[in-house]
Protein backbone atom coordinates (compact mmCIF):
# COMPACT_ATOMS: atom_id res chain seq x y z
CA MET A 1 -28.19 11.51 28.34
CA ASP A 2 -32.08 11.85 28.39
CA LEU A 3 -34.51 8.62 28.87
CA PHE A 4 -35.28 8.43 25.16
CA SER A 5 -31.83 9.01 23.94
CA GLN A 6 -30.95 5.68 26.32
CA VAL A 7 -33.60 3.82 24.91
CA SER A 8 -32.95 4.91 21.21
CA GLN A 9 -29.38 3.84 21.95
CA GLU A 10 -29.54 0.58 23.28
CA ALA A 11 -32.11 0.11 20.43
CA ILE A 12 -29.67 0.52 17.57
CA LYS A 13 -27.22 -1.25 19.69
CA ARG A 14 -29.38 -3.93 19.82
CA GLN A 15 -29.27 -3.84 15.82
CA ALA A 16 -26.15 -3.71 15.20
CA PRO A 17 -23.91 -5.55 13.15
CA LEU A 18 -21.76 -8.45 15.14
CA ALA A 19 -18.74 -6.60 14.92
CA ASP A 20 -19.91 -3.50 16.19
CA ARG A 21 -22.09 -5.60 19.44
CA MET A 22 -18.51 -7.71 19.96
CA ARG A 23 -16.19 -4.98 20.14
CA PRO A 24 -13.98 -5.63 22.88
CA ARG A 25 -14.02 -3.56 26.08
CA THR A 26 -11.24 -4.26 27.87
CA LEU A 27 -7.55 -5.01 26.99
CA ALA A 28 -7.99 -8.62 28.22
CA GLU A 29 -10.68 -8.91 25.14
CA PHE A 30 -8.60 -7.03 22.49
CA TYR A 31 -6.89 -9.94 20.52
CA GLY A 32 -3.71 -10.23 18.46
CA GLN A 33 -1.88 -6.97 19.02
CA ASP A 34 0.54 -7.93 21.73
CA LYS A 35 3.19 -5.96 20.13
CA ALA A 36 1.51 -2.78 20.32
CA VAL A 37 -0.83 -2.78 23.35
CA GLY A 38 0.32 -6.64 24.89
CA LYS A 39 1.05 -7.54 28.81
CA GLY A 40 4.22 -5.82 30.14
CA SER A 41 3.73 -3.11 26.56
CA VAL A 42 4.74 0.62 27.34
CA LEU A 43 1.05 1.68 25.95
CA GLU A 44 -0.82 -0.73 28.21
CA GLN A 45 0.84 0.50 31.07
CA LEU A 46 0.58 4.37 29.74
CA ILE A 47 -3.58 2.77 29.50
CA LEU A 48 -3.50 1.41 32.88
CA HIS A 49 -1.93 4.75 34.56
CA ASP A 50 -4.65 6.85 32.72
CA LYS A 51 -1.25 8.62 31.10
CA VAL A 52 -2.33 7.84 27.51
CA PRO A 53 -0.47 10.34 25.39
CA SER A 54 -1.90 11.34 21.40
CA LEU A 55 -1.83 8.97 19.52
CA ILE A 56 -1.45 7.89 15.61
CA LEU A 57 -3.37 4.28 15.28
CA PHE A 58 -2.34 2.65 11.57
CA GLY A 59 -2.98 -0.32 10.29
CA PRO A 60 -5.59 -2.55 8.06
CA PRO A 61 -9.14 -2.31 7.94
CA GLY A 62 -10.48 -4.85 10.86
CA SER A 63 -7.36 -4.45 13.14
CA GLY A 64 -8.60 -3.01 16.10
CA LYS A 65 -8.07 0.81 15.26
CA THR A 66 -11.40 2.07 16.61
CA THR A 67 -11.61 -0.83 19.36
CA LEU A 68 -8.53 0.16 20.82
CA ALA A 69 -9.41 3.56 21.05
CA GLY A 70 -12.98 2.84 22.49
CA ILE A 71 -11.21 0.85 25.51
CA ILE A 72 -8.92 3.29 26.11
CA ALA A 73 -11.41 5.54 26.57
CA ASN A 74 -13.43 3.40 28.87
CA LEU A 75 -10.72 2.76 30.95
CA THR A 76 -9.41 6.60 31.04
CA GLN A 77 -12.94 7.49 31.83
CA ALA A 78 -12.45 10.62 29.57
CA ASN A 79 -14.50 12.60 27.54
CA PHE A 80 -14.79 10.22 24.74
CA ILE A 81 -15.32 12.55 21.34
CA THR A 82 -15.62 10.75 18.08
CA LEU A 83 -15.35 12.64 14.45
CA SER A 84 -15.02 10.69 10.86
CA ALA A 85 -12.47 12.74 8.77
CA VAL A 86 -14.86 11.84 5.69
CA SER A 87 -17.64 13.89 7.12
CA SER A 88 -16.26 16.32 9.85
CA GLY A 89 -15.03 19.73 8.62
CA VAL A 90 -13.11 22.87 10.84
CA ASN A 91 -16.78 23.55 12.21
CA ASP A 92 -16.62 20.08 13.93
CA LEU A 93 -13.14 20.52 15.30
CA ARG A 94 -14.26 24.13 16.75
CA ALA A 95 -17.30 22.36 18.96
CA ALA A 96 -14.78 19.59 19.95
CA VAL A 97 -12.46 22.00 21.34
CA LEU A 98 -15.47 23.83 22.83
CA ASN A 99 -16.91 20.58 24.43
CA ALA A 100 -13.20 19.52 25.81
CA LYS A 101 -12.45 23.29 27.53
CA GLU A 102 -16.12 22.79 29.05
CA ALA A 103 -14.83 19.19 30.34
CA ILE A 104 -11.68 20.77 31.79
CA LEU A 105 -13.48 22.55 34.27
CA ARG A 106 -15.34 19.53 34.90
CA GLY A 107 -11.93 17.92 36.48
CA LYS A 108 -12.22 15.74 33.16
CA LYS A 109 -9.77 14.82 29.68
CA THR A 110 -11.26 14.61 26.37
CA ILE A 111 -9.94 12.25 23.95
CA LEU A 112 -10.92 13.17 20.43
CA PHE A 113 -11.09 10.18 18.27
CA ILE A 114 -10.74 10.76 14.54
CA ASP A 115 -11.02 8.06 12.22
CA GLU A 116 -9.92 8.01 8.66
CA VAL A 117 -7.84 11.34 9.55
CA HIS A 118 -5.40 10.60 6.72
CA ARG A 119 -8.43 12.49 4.53
CA PHE A 120 -8.57 15.46 6.49
CA ASN A 121 -6.69 18.20 4.41
CA LYS A 122 -3.55 20.44 5.88
CA ALA A 123 -5.57 22.98 7.13
CA GLN A 124 -7.59 20.61 9.00
CA GLN A 125 -4.22 18.77 10.42
CA ASP A 126 -2.92 22.47 10.92
CA ALA A 127 -6.09 23.56 13.06
CA LEU A 128 -5.61 20.66 15.74
CA LEU A 129 -2.32 21.45 16.48
CA PRO A 130 -2.67 24.28 19.27
CA TYR A 131 -5.20 22.04 21.33
CA VAL A 132 -3.06 18.95 20.89
CA GLU A 133 -0.15 20.66 21.85
CA ASP A 134 -1.57 22.36 25.16
CA GLY A 135 -3.36 19.40 25.71
CA THR A 136 -6.92 20.33 25.40
CA LEU A 137 -7.59 17.22 23.54
CA ILE A 138 -6.10 14.15 23.39
CA LEU A 139 -5.85 13.27 19.78
CA ILE A 140 -6.39 9.55 18.76
CA GLY A 141 -6.60 9.59 14.89
CA ALA A 142 -6.83 6.34 12.74
CA THR A 143 -5.82 5.63 9.61
CA THR A 144 -5.09 2.60 7.66
CA GLU A 145 -2.92 4.84 5.62
CA ASN A 146 0.82 5.12 6.20
CA PRO A 147 1.01 8.41 8.33
CA MET A 148 4.91 9.41 7.58
CA PHE A 149 3.18 10.26 4.00
CA SER A 150 -0.69 10.93 4.37
CA VAL A 151 -0.54 12.82 8.00
CA ASN A 152 1.53 16.37 8.81
CA LYS A 153 5.10 16.11 10.18
CA ALA A 154 4.23 18.51 12.61
CA LEU A 155 1.08 17.09 13.75
CA LEU A 156 2.64 13.78 13.55
CA SER A 157 5.49 15.10 15.81
CA ARG A 158 3.17 15.79 18.93
CA CYS A 159 1.45 11.97 18.97
CA ARG A 160 2.92 8.60 19.26
CA LEU A 161 2.41 6.38 16.09
CA VAL A 162 1.29 2.70 17.26
CA GLU A 163 1.08 0.16 14.40
CA LEU A 164 -1.66 -2.57 14.37
CA GLU A 165 -0.67 -5.76 12.23
CA TYR A 166 -2.85 -8.12 9.96
CA LEU A 167 -4.54 -10.49 12.46
CA THR A 168 -3.63 -13.82 13.10
CA SER A 169 -5.59 -16.71 12.01
CA GLU A 170 -5.29 -18.21 15.75
CA ALA A 171 -6.40 -14.23 17.07
CA ILE A 172 -9.55 -14.23 14.74
CA GLN A 173 -10.36 -18.07 15.48
CA LYS A 174 -10.66 -16.72 19.13
CA ILE A 175 -12.60 -13.85 18.49
CA LEU A 176 -15.27 -15.81 16.32
CA LEU A 177 -16.07 -18.75 19.10
CA ALA A 178 -16.33 -15.32 21.29
CA ALA A 179 -19.05 -14.08 19.47
CA LEU A 180 -20.77 -17.75 19.08
CA SER A 181 -20.51 -18.41 22.88
CA ASP A 182 -21.92 -14.98 23.78
CA LYS A 183 -25.59 -14.70 24.47
CA GLU A 184 -25.60 -11.08 25.93
CA ARG A 185 -24.08 -9.51 22.61
CA GLY A 186 -22.83 -12.15 20.13
CA LEU A 187 -24.57 -15.59 18.56
CA GLY A 188 -24.60 -17.73 21.70
CA GLU A 189 -28.91 -17.54 21.26
CA PHE A 190 -27.96 -19.90 18.72
CA GLU A 191 -27.24 -23.69 19.06
CA THR A 192 -24.64 -24.53 15.72
CA ASP A 193 -22.40 -27.34 14.51
CA LEU A 194 -19.63 -26.29 12.70
CA GLU A 195 -18.00 -28.21 9.34
CA GLU A 196 -14.83 -29.43 9.64
CA ASP A 197 -12.71 -26.18 8.19
CA PHE A 198 -15.38 -24.26 8.32
CA LEU A 199 -13.57 -21.53 10.53
CA GLU A 200 -10.36 -22.12 8.87
CA ARG A 201 -12.03 -21.14 5.34
CA LEU A 202 -14.10 -18.22 6.64
CA ILE A 203 -10.70 -16.98 8.17
CA ILE A 204 -9.16 -17.42 5.09
CA LEU A 205 -11.91 -15.54 2.51
CA THR A 206 -11.90 -12.34 5.30
CA ASN A 207 -7.87 -12.17 4.97
CA GLY A 208 -7.40 -11.50 8.75
CA ASP A 209 -10.16 -8.63 9.39
CA ALA A 210 -12.06 -9.27 12.22
CA ARG A 211 -14.89 -6.76 11.12
CA GLN A 212 -15.87 -8.92 7.79
CA ALA A 213 -14.92 -11.79 9.85
CA LEU A 214 -17.49 -11.47 12.51
CA ASN A 215 -20.52 -9.78 10.10
CA THR A 216 -19.72 -12.72 7.56
CA LEU A 217 -20.23 -15.21 10.64
CA GLU A 218 -23.39 -13.52 11.33
CA LEU A 219 -24.69 -13.95 8.01
CA CYS A 220 -23.90 -17.50 7.79
CA VAL A 221 -25.67 -18.02 11.26
CA LEU A 222 -28.72 -16.66 9.34
CA ALA A 223 -28.78 -18.16 6.72
CA ALA A 224 -27.50 -21.45 7.33
CA PRO A 225 -29.95 -24.40 7.41
CA ARG A 226 -31.67 -25.90 10.50
CA VAL A 227 -31.59 -29.27 11.60
CA ASP A 228 -33.55 -30.26 14.63
CA GLY A 229 -33.04 -26.36 15.67
CA ARG A 230 -29.10 -26.47 15.12
CA VAL A 231 -27.73 -24.12 12.82
CA ARG A 232 -25.40 -26.02 10.67
CA LEU A 233 -22.52 -24.04 9.49
CA ASN A 234 -20.94 -25.69 6.29
CA LYS A 235 -18.43 -24.64 3.53
CA LYS A 236 -21.70 -24.34 1.08
CA THR A 237 -23.46 -21.59 3.30
CA LEU A 238 -20.04 -19.73 3.58
CA ALA A 239 -19.42 -19.60 -0.52
CA ASP A 240 -22.71 -18.24 -0.83
CA VAL A 241 -22.28 -15.45 1.17
CA VAL A 242 -18.52 -14.74 0.08
CA GLN A 243 -18.76 -15.54 -3.26
CA LYS A 244 -14.99 -14.30 -3.40
CA PRO A 245 -11.99 -13.13 -1.27
CA ILE A 246 -11.59 -9.78 0.40
CA LEU A 247 -8.42 -8.20 -0.11
CA ASN A 248 -7.38 -5.30 1.34
CA TYR A 249 -6.03 -3.05 -1.41
CA THR A 250 -7.08 0.04 -2.60
CA LYS A 251 -5.74 2.24 -5.56
CA GLY A 252 -2.99 4.70 -4.24
CA GLY A 253 -2.64 3.37 -0.52
CA ASP A 254 -0.18 1.34 0.79
CA GLU A 255 -0.82 -2.26 -0.67
CA HIS A 256 -1.22 -0.68 -3.83
CA TYR A 257 2.42 -0.12 -3.56
CA ASP A 258 3.75 -2.66 -1.81
CA VAL A 259 2.62 -5.56 -4.41
CA ILE A 260 4.02 -3.35 -7.69
CA SER A 261 7.18 -3.32 -5.14
CA ALA A 262 7.15 -7.26 -4.45
CA PHE A 263 6.01 -7.66 -8.23
CA ILE A 264 9.07 -5.87 -9.45
CA LYS A 265 11.36 -7.34 -7.18
CA SER A 266 10.55 -10.30 -8.04
CA VAL A 267 11.04 -10.08 -11.76
CA ARG A 268 14.50 -8.63 -11.39
CA GLY A 269 15.24 -11.55 -8.72
CA SER A 270 14.41 -14.03 -11.70
CA ASP A 271 11.36 -15.56 -9.27
CA PRO A 272 8.83 -16.72 -11.74
CA ASN A 273 6.71 -17.78 -9.26
CA ALA A 274 6.71 -14.99 -6.67
CA ALA A 275 6.26 -12.25 -10.15
CA ILE A 276 3.29 -14.72 -11.19
CA TYR A 277 1.49 -14.38 -7.72
CA TYR A 278 1.88 -10.83 -7.19
CA LEU A 279 0.70 -10.16 -10.51
CA ALA A 280 -2.33 -12.45 -9.71
CA ARG A 281 -3.24 -10.53 -6.16
CA MET A 282 -2.98 -7.09 -8.50
CA LEU A 283 -5.53 -8.27 -11.10
CA TYR A 284 -7.54 -10.00 -8.76
CA ALA A 285 -7.80 -6.55 -6.45
CA GLY A 286 -8.77 -4.47 -10.00
CA GLU A 287 -5.29 -3.21 -10.48
CA ASP A 288 -5.40 -1.12 -13.79
CA PRO A 289 -3.51 -3.71 -16.29
CA LEU A 290 -2.01 -0.84 -17.86
CA PHE A 291 -0.30 0.73 -14.98
CA ILE A 292 1.21 -2.95 -14.34
CA ALA A 293 1.97 -3.04 -18.44
CA ARG A 294 4.22 0.17 -18.00
CA ARG A 295 6.05 -1.38 -14.69
CA LEU A 296 7.23 -3.64 -17.37
CA ILE A 297 8.34 -2.03 -19.92
CA ILE A 298 10.45 0.32 -17.68
CA LEU A 299 11.55 -3.03 -16.09
CA ALA A 300 12.53 -4.04 -19.24
CA SER A 301 14.68 -1.29 -20.29
CA GLU A 302 16.21 -0.82 -16.69
CA ASP A 303 16.92 -4.27 -15.29
CA ILE A 304 17.28 -7.02 -18.35
CA GLY A 305 18.22 -4.14 -21.33
CA LEU A 306 21.05 -5.24 -23.13
CA ALA A 307 21.48 -8.95 -21.38
CA ASP A 308 18.22 -9.78 -23.52
CA PRO A 309 17.11 -6.82 -25.38
CA PHE A 310 13.57 -8.32 -27.23
CA ALA A 311 12.68 -8.37 -23.81
CA LEU A 312 11.30 -4.43 -24.37
CA THR A 313 9.85 -5.79 -27.11
CA MET A 314 7.76 -8.34 -25.38
CA ALA A 315 7.07 -5.97 -22.83
CA VAL A 316 5.63 -3.57 -24.99
CA SER A 317 3.76 -6.08 -27.11
CA ALA A 318 2.11 -7.01 -23.98
CA ALA A 319 0.96 -3.53 -22.95
CA GLU A 320 -0.62 -3.23 -26.51
CA ALA A 321 -2.36 -6.36 -26.53
CA VAL A 322 -3.73 -5.23 -23.07
CA ASN A 323 -4.63 -1.90 -24.56
CA ARG A 324 -6.46 -3.68 -27.50
CA ILE A 325 -7.95 -6.63 -26.01
CA GLY A 326 -8.66 -5.58 -21.87
CA LEU A 327 -9.81 -7.92 -18.85
CA PRO A 328 -10.05 -10.85 -18.89
CA GLU A 329 -7.94 -11.84 -21.84
CA GLY A 330 -5.37 -9.29 -21.18
CA ARG A 331 -4.09 -11.30 -18.12
CA ILE A 332 -2.61 -13.87 -20.59
CA PRO A 333 0.15 -11.39 -22.51
CA LEU A 334 0.84 -10.00 -18.85
CA ALA A 335 1.48 -13.20 -17.41
CA GLU A 336 3.91 -14.63 -20.69
CA ALA A 337 5.90 -10.95 -20.49
CA THR A 338 6.20 -11.42 -16.70
CA ILE A 339 7.64 -14.76 -17.24
CA TYR A 340 9.58 -14.08 -19.64
CA LEU A 341 11.42 -11.35 -18.01
CA SER A 342 11.57 -13.02 -15.18
CA LEU A 343 13.93 -15.76 -16.60
CA SER A 344 15.86 -13.10 -18.81
CA PRO A 345 19.47 -12.65 -17.95
CA LYS A 346 19.57 -9.32 -16.80
CA SER A 347 21.79 -6.33 -16.96
CA ASN A 348 20.96 -2.52 -15.94
CA SER A 349 24.24 -1.03 -17.96
CA SER A 350 22.35 0.81 -20.17
CA TYR A 351 20.51 2.42 -16.96
CA LEU A 352 23.99 3.23 -15.43
CA ALA A 353 25.24 4.39 -18.36
CA ILE A 354 22.32 7.27 -19.40
CA ASP A 355 22.17 8.46 -15.68
CA LYS A 356 25.80 8.47 -15.08
CA ALA A 357 25.92 10.69 -18.72
CA LEU A 358 22.88 12.97 -17.37
CA ALA A 359 24.82 13.14 -13.91
CA TYR A 360 28.11 14.61 -15.77
CA ILE A 361 25.99 17.05 -17.78
CA GLU A 362 24.57 18.57 -14.61
CA LYS A 363 28.33 18.74 -12.85
CA ASN A 364 30.30 20.02 -15.44
CA LYS A 365 30.43 22.58 -17.73
CA GLN A 366 29.46 21.46 -21.80
CA PRO A 367 31.96 22.12 -24.60
CA GLN A 368 31.23 22.00 -28.07
CA VAL A 369 30.10 19.62 -30.51
CA PRO A 370 33.59 18.67 -32.16
CA ASN A 371 33.90 20.64 -35.35
CA HIS A 372 33.80 17.24 -37.91
CA LEU A 373 30.79 16.31 -36.21
CA ARG A 374 28.69 19.40 -36.62
CA ASP A 375 26.07 19.76 -38.97
CA GLY A 376 27.88 21.80 -42.35
CA SER A 377 24.27 21.58 -44.66
CA ARG A 378 22.44 24.63 -42.94
CA GLY A 379 23.54 27.63 -44.90
CA GLY A 380 26.50 27.38 -46.28
CA LEU A 381 27.91 26.31 -42.68
CA GLU A 382 30.61 23.99 -44.18
CA LYS A 383 32.46 27.08 -45.03
CA LEU A 384 33.49 27.71 -41.12
CA GLY A 385 34.70 23.93 -41.64
CA TYR A 386 31.60 22.08 -40.22
CA GLY A 387 31.51 18.55 -41.12
CA LYS A 388 35.10 19.03 -42.50
CA GLY A 389 37.05 15.57 -42.00
CA TYR A 390 34.24 13.35 -40.82
CA LEU A 391 34.85 9.88 -41.57
CA TYR A 392 31.87 8.15 -43.26
CA PRO A 393 31.82 4.42 -41.65
CA HIS A 394 30.63 2.90 -44.35
CA ASP A 395 33.31 3.46 -46.50
CA TYR A 396 35.95 1.36 -44.37
CA PRO A 397 35.93 -2.47 -43.95
CA GLY A 398 33.42 -3.74 -41.47
CA HIS A 399 31.33 -0.49 -41.33
CA VAL A 400 33.78 1.49 -38.28
CA VAL A 401 36.04 3.79 -38.66
CA SER A 402 38.17 5.14 -35.37
CA GLN A 403 37.64 8.99 -35.25
CA ARG A 404 36.93 10.83 -31.79
CA TYR A 405 33.50 11.66 -31.43
CA LEU A 406 33.27 12.86 -27.32
CA PRO A 407 34.32 16.56 -27.37
CA GLU A 408 37.69 17.50 -26.74
CA GLY A 409 38.96 16.91 -23.03
CA LEU A 410 35.72 14.98 -22.20
CA LEU A 411 37.31 11.26 -20.86
CA GLU A 412 34.68 10.46 -19.14
CA THR A 413 33.77 6.38 -19.91
CA PHE A 414 29.85 6.05 -19.52
CA PHE A 415 29.01 2.69 -21.02
CA LEU A 416 30.57 -0.14 -19.49
CA PRO A 417 29.37 -3.36 -20.81
CA GLY A 418 27.48 -5.60 -18.16
CA GLU A 419 28.70 -9.42 -17.63
CA LEU A 420 25.47 -10.48 -19.57
CA ASP A 421 25.22 -8.06 -22.66
CA ARG A 422 24.84 -9.37 -25.98
CA THR A 423 26.67 -6.64 -27.65
CA THR A 424 30.01 -6.96 -29.53
CA SER A 425 32.13 -4.20 -30.03
CA PRO A 426 33.20 -3.91 -33.93
CA LYS A 427 37.17 -3.25 -34.39
CA SER A 428 37.24 -0.29 -35.91
CA SER A 429 39.58 -0.02 -39.57
CA PRO A 430 42.30 2.49 -40.89
CA LYS A 431 41.22 5.25 -43.65
CA LYS A 432 41.39 3.75 -46.70
């Protein structure tokens, strides 16, 4: 690196956001991920002995994926190349491979770090395979999405999977306090007074994301009032800087599927408090209210069914109300339907009946419809006996009469009433 490039890089570093300046440089500074890389863990030993394999790091934003990759690069003294899958393509991969081959001639390994690796398409991921396979590159991919779904199985099989978790409040507090005291990279040049519960509230608002917590802290320090030269960090300044809590929720992401799953299971489990909580979490994050309404319609049929047939009407009405009035008012019919469905008795007998019938049809040859049930009104088909012998139920007491409806030889029972089903089986009447 020439002198100009070095000075330029140092200037950029000084102006970088606090989260970037405070990136941990060693495993000792890497807080909150003891399960993945704590003392005595397999990954810690591989890093310390310079035997790091290709890795896929996955976890929520701000959990330390990029930071851990940088620590590995520093401790292993490897040639370190960074790419972003958002802006890089196959040509960038080829350049990285060429760089890695040149490094091998100098006796150096190359770590290729790819941020948001799940954004690479199949062809781009496949382009990595031979070079990860033969050791030309040590791949470290970072993703916020579940790699079991977002990364090619072939590439995944060549990498060790490392899950990073949401940082605990204690871990983020350590990170924030370290930033406030660090005079070289952090905010140690400022003399600060912390209002009681300031850090606790900051941690809540940034929802386990260390990057957001650090950058928010820096904004608060810069915007906070000064008293006798000291920075007064209080919750009023924090409220001005962060007007709404930051949720890790992206449509189509893991959190989208996990929260809707928890919502459905809470309604099915008859817990209105949990159901309303997950409903609020989805609405707050900007989930499509019609998506939620459609799930309620499915749930009303699948899990409540004949135990309370009105539940389906309630769910459909909520969907129609949301479609007509939108948000924010649409939250009210959604909440009403959610609570009603949560408190409704549950039965899946209709769901089981139709699935059992469909399975039977798939596996068995289907006999003809019984002659007396066939349509004889078309083109003189009654002359062939179609409809002959059919007993019209309304001609009989109770409007029901005993006759065979299933085809001959089909003895299967598809519908078994549930314990809570609101059904009455009419008694058949003899023929007049």
